[in-house]
Protein backbone atom coordinates (compact mmCIF):
# COMPACT_ATOMS: atom_id res chain seq x y z
CA UNK A 1 120.75 87.33 94.65
CA UNK A 2 124.28 86.79 93.36
CA UNK A 3 127.14 88.76 94.86
CA UNK A 4 127.74 91.94 92.98
CA UNK A 5 131.18 93.45 93.11
CA UNK A 6 131.02 97.08 92.01
CA UNK A 7 134.44 98.55 91.19
CA UNK A 8 134.67 102.31 91.72
CA UNK A 9 136.05 105.02 89.47
CA UNK A 10 136.38 108.34 91.28
CA UNK A 11 137.15 111.34 89.08
CA UNK A 12 139.04 114.49 90.04
CA UNK A 13 140.67 117.02 87.72
CA UNK A 14 140.14 114.67 84.79
CA UNK A 15 141.95 111.79 86.49
CA UNK A 16 141.01 108.59 88.30
CA UNK A 17 141.89 108.97 91.99
CA UNK A 18 141.41 107.38 95.36
CA UNK A 19 141.00 109.52 98.47
CA UNK A 20 141.32 108.72 102.16
CA UNK A 21 138.10 109.66 103.98
CA UNK A 22 137.09 111.84 101.04
CA UNK A 23 139.83 114.41 101.63
CA UNK A 24 143.44 113.39 101.09
CA UNK A 25 144.39 112.04 97.67
CA UNK A 26 146.19 108.75 98.21
CA UNK A 27 146.83 107.67 94.64
CA UNK A 28 146.00 108.12 90.99
CA UNK A 29 144.79 105.20 88.91
CA UNK A 30 145.31 104.47 85.25
CA UNK A 31 143.35 106.38 82.63
CA UNK A 32 139.56 105.98 82.76
CA UNK A 33 139.72 103.86 79.60
CA UNK A 34 142.35 101.58 81.11
CA UNK A 35 140.36 101.20 84.32
CA UNK A 36 137.29 100.20 82.31
CA UNK A 37 139.31 97.46 80.64
CA UNK A 38 140.47 96.20 84.03
CA UNK A 39 136.88 96.13 85.27
CA UNK A 40 135.39 94.52 82.16
CA UNK A 41 134.35 91.35 84.04
CA UNK A 42 131.98 93.25 86.32
CA UNK A 43 128.41 94.08 85.26
CA UNK A 44 128.27 97.54 86.81
CA UNK A 45 130.76 100.29 87.66
CA UNK A 46 130.32 103.10 90.18
CA UNK A 47 131.50 106.50 88.94
CA UNK A 48 131.72 109.45 91.34
CA UNK A 49 132.58 112.91 90.06
CA UNK A 50 134.42 114.31 93.08
CA UNK A 51 134.79 117.76 91.55
CA UNK A 52 131.01 117.99 91.13
CA UNK A 53 130.51 116.67 94.66
CA UNK A 54 132.77 119.39 96.02
CA UNK A 55 131.19 122.09 93.88
CA UNK A 56 134.26 122.90 91.85
CA UNK A 57 133.43 121.92 88.30
CA UNK A 58 132.60 118.59 86.71
CA UNK A 59 134.03 115.79 84.59
CA UNK A 60 130.99 115.42 82.34
CA UNK A 61 132.91 114.32 79.25
CA UNK A 62 134.58 111.49 81.15
CA UNK A 63 131.32 110.39 82.75
CA UNK A 64 129.67 110.30 79.34
CA UNK A 65 132.57 108.32 77.87
CA UNK A 66 132.46 105.79 80.69
CA UNK A 67 128.68 105.45 80.41
CA UNK A 68 129.00 104.78 76.69
CA UNK A 69 131.22 101.77 77.37
CA UNK A 70 129.86 100.29 80.61
CA UNK A 71 126.78 100.14 82.81
CA UNK A 72 127.46 102.80 85.42
CA UNK A 73 125.81 104.24 88.49
CA UNK A 74 126.93 107.84 88.67
CA UNK A 75 127.02 110.38 91.46
CA UNK A 76 128.60 113.59 92.60
CA UNK A 77 126.82 116.88 93.06
CA UNK A 78 123.29 115.61 92.40
CA UNK A 79 121.64 118.50 94.21
CA UNK A 80 118.88 119.18 91.68
CA UNK A 81 116.53 117.16 89.52
CA UNK A 82 118.25 118.79 86.52
CA UNK A 83 121.62 117.36 87.59
CA UNK A 84 120.09 113.90 87.90
CA UNK A 85 118.58 114.29 84.44
CA UNK A 86 121.97 115.36 83.08
CA UNK A 87 123.73 112.24 84.40
CA UNK A 88 121.04 110.00 82.95
CA UNK A 89 121.31 111.88 79.65
CA UNK A 90 125.07 111.19 79.74
CA UNK A 91 124.16 107.51 79.83
CA UNK A 92 124.17 106.60 83.51
CA UNK A 93 122.00 103.60 84.42
CA UNK A 94 121.26 104.99 87.88
CA UNK A 95 122.15 108.17 89.78
CA UNK A 96 123.48 108.34 93.34
CA UNK A 97 122.03 111.08 95.53
CA UNK A 98 123.43 112.00 98.94
CA UNK A 99 123.47 115.49 100.41
CA UNK A 100 120.22 116.73 98.86
CA UNK A 101 118.29 113.76 100.21
CA UNK A 102 118.50 115.30 103.69
CA UNK A 103 117.71 118.46 105.58
CA UNK A 104 118.26 119.38 109.23
CA UNK A 105 115.39 117.20 110.43
CA UNK A 106 116.04 114.09 108.34
CA UNK A 107 114.91 113.01 104.86
CA UNK A 108 114.18 115.92 102.50
CA UNK A 109 110.82 114.55 101.40
CA UNK A 110 109.89 117.44 99.10
CA UNK A 111 113.10 117.16 97.08
CA UNK A 112 112.92 113.37 96.99
CA UNK A 113 109.32 113.45 95.77
CA UNK A 114 110.29 115.83 92.96
CA UNK A 115 113.27 113.64 92.11
CA UNK A 116 111.12 110.50 91.86
CA UNK A 117 108.59 112.40 89.75
CA UNK A 118 111.37 113.64 87.50
CA UNK A 119 113.50 110.55 86.92
CA UNK A 120 111.70 107.57 88.45
CA UNK A 121 112.35 105.64 91.63
CA UNK A 122 114.10 102.80 89.81
CA UNK A 123 116.87 105.14 88.60
CA UNK A 124 117.78 106.46 92.06
CA UNK A 125 120.32 105.15 94.60
CA UNK A 126 120.39 107.03 97.91
CA UNK A 127 123.71 107.41 99.71
CA UNK A 128 123.77 106.90 103.48
CA UNK A 129 127.31 108.02 104.28
CA UNK A 130 128.06 107.55 107.97
CA UNK A 131 130.89 108.81 110.16
CA UNK A 132 130.98 108.62 113.93
CA UNK A 133 127.58 106.95 113.79
CA UNK A 134 125.83 109.88 112.06
CA UNK A 135 124.99 110.54 108.43
CA UNK A 136 127.40 113.05 106.92
CA UNK A 137 126.72 115.31 103.94
CA UNK A 138 128.42 117.95 101.75
CA UNK A 139 131.40 115.83 100.80
CA UNK A 140 131.39 114.15 104.25
CA UNK A 141 132.30 117.48 105.86
CA UNK A 142 129.05 118.19 107.73
CA UNK A 143 127.46 115.82 110.24
CA UNK A 144 123.72 115.48 110.75
CA UNK A 145 122.00 114.49 114.01
CA UNK A 146 120.50 111.23 112.76
CA UNK A 147 121.68 107.73 111.91
CA UNK A 148 121.22 105.63 108.81
CA UNK A 149 119.25 103.07 110.80
CA UNK A 150 116.79 105.78 111.86
CA UNK A 151 115.97 107.04 108.37
CA UNK A 152 116.43 104.13 105.99
CA UNK A 153 112.79 102.96 106.15
CA UNK A 154 111.55 106.49 105.46
CA UNK A 155 113.72 106.62 102.34
CA UNK A 156 112.53 103.37 100.77
CA UNK A 157 109.76 104.97 98.63
CA UNK A 158 112.30 107.20 96.91
CA UNK A 159 114.90 104.79 95.55
CA UNK A 160 115.79 101.39 94.17
CA UNK A 161 118.54 100.83 96.73
CA UNK A 162 121.09 102.32 99.10
CA UNK A 163 124.82 102.99 98.92
CA UNK A 164 126.02 102.80 102.53
CA UNK A 165 129.54 104.08 103.13
CA UNK A 166 131.32 103.57 106.42
CA UNK A 167 133.32 106.79 106.14
CA UNK A 168 135.37 106.17 109.32
CA UNK A 169 137.36 103.53 107.41
CA UNK A 170 137.04 104.84 103.84
CA UNK A 171 140.31 104.39 101.96
CA UNK A 172 142.19 103.27 105.07
CA UNK A 173 142.52 99.55 104.27
CA UNK A 174 141.62 98.61 107.86
CA UNK A 175 138.47 96.58 107.29
CA UNK A 176 134.89 97.76 107.68
CA UNK A 177 132.17 97.59 110.34
CA UNK A 178 130.25 94.40 109.62
CA UNK A 179 127.99 94.96 112.65
CA UNK A 180 126.81 98.28 111.18
CA UNK A 181 125.99 96.64 107.88
CA UNK A 182 124.14 93.86 109.70
CA UNK A 183 121.99 96.50 111.44
CA UNK A 184 121.25 98.16 108.11
CA UNK A 185 120.38 94.81 106.55
CA UNK A 186 117.93 94.18 109.39
CA UNK A 187 116.35 97.59 108.81
CA UNK A 188 115.43 97.21 105.13
CA UNK A 189 114.71 94.53 102.56
CA UNK A 190 115.92 96.75 99.72
CA UNK A 191 119.22 96.53 97.87
CA UNK A 192 122.25 97.64 99.89
CA UNK A 193 125.70 98.29 98.50
CA UNK A 194 128.45 98.54 101.12
CA UNK A 195 131.49 100.79 100.82
CA UNK A 196 134.24 102.05 103.08
CA UNK A 197 137.18 100.01 104.29
CA UNK A 198 136.32 96.71 102.57
CA UNK A 199 139.78 95.16 102.40
CA UNK A 200 139.70 91.35 102.41
CA UNK A 201 137.89 88.48 100.76
CA UNK A 202 136.55 87.63 104.23
CA UNK A 203 134.91 91.09 104.37
CA UNK A 204 133.32 90.44 100.99
CA UNK A 205 132.13 86.96 101.86
CA UNK A 206 130.59 88.23 105.11
CA UNK A 207 128.76 91.03 103.31
CA UNK A 208 127.65 88.70 100.52
CA UNK A 209 126.24 86.32 103.14
CA UNK A 210 124.09 89.25 104.30
CA UNK A 211 122.90 89.80 100.71
CA UNK A 212 124.84 93.05 100.47
CA UNK A 213 126.79 94.16 97.39
CA UNK A 214 130.32 95.54 97.70
CA UNK A 215 131.64 98.75 96.15
CA UNK A 216 135.43 98.50 96.05
CA UNK A 217 138.04 101.19 95.60
CA UNK A 218 141.34 101.39 97.43
CA UNK A 219 141.69 97.63 97.98
CA UNK A 220 141.64 96.93 94.25
CA UNK A 221 143.69 99.97 93.24
CA UNK A 222 146.50 98.92 95.60
CA UNK A 223 146.29 95.25 94.61
CA UNK A 224 145.18 94.08 98.05
CA UNK A 225 142.20 92.41 96.37
CA UNK A 226 142.73 90.50 93.14
CA UNK A 227 140.35 91.33 90.31
CA UNK A 228 140.40 87.79 88.91
CA UNK A 229 139.51 86.33 92.32
CA UNK A 230 136.71 88.86 92.72
CA UNK A 231 135.34 88.03 89.28
CA UNK A 232 135.42 84.32 90.11
CA UNK A 233 133.59 84.90 93.40
CA UNK A 234 130.90 86.86 91.63
CA UNK A 235 130.45 84.15 88.98
CA UNK A 236 130.33 81.38 91.59
CA UNK A 237 127.69 82.98 93.80
């Protein structure tokens, strides 16, 4: 499988932003249209509606505009089958589901079964956001008692792949935890997209060698990673 670099567009208050660990706004990007032009070389874009994720409104018009001009995987506040339907109706290729995929004991099988019945397994990406070794939910503000490695196999019937974010390093430009991603890779044969702290080309090459895609935010918004070099790496692999 070729390396897939997935640039990220996170939306808040109608603007493109980057947060540190999902809380503190570190910077604003160019307009959504301008960011799309910058990311034109990449086959898929990740769009997260942070307002919807935090339960304080939504940026539906922007999501729909972005989906009309690019292949996007969209997430943020997908707590019902209706919300997943709405994102697909706005043009999203796949929807990213996090918080609602879990309950206190682990995977929320009843919700996931209804989601698969409603939109189809191939349109679902499940988010395994991890901080301090445990999956975190509700905008990364509430920790569960289980790890991604413990539940990933149970979740395979409900999705086409996983978005695995190492929240401890999200937005901090300090590198990521390659050992954690190696453990996840050993736990499933399904598609994995890594996020959280990916800062260097060495990080990306190491993840690509594991057959893991890379979702990139802060490192490209700050210029630490060069878009032309990333596009060339993707084409060469």
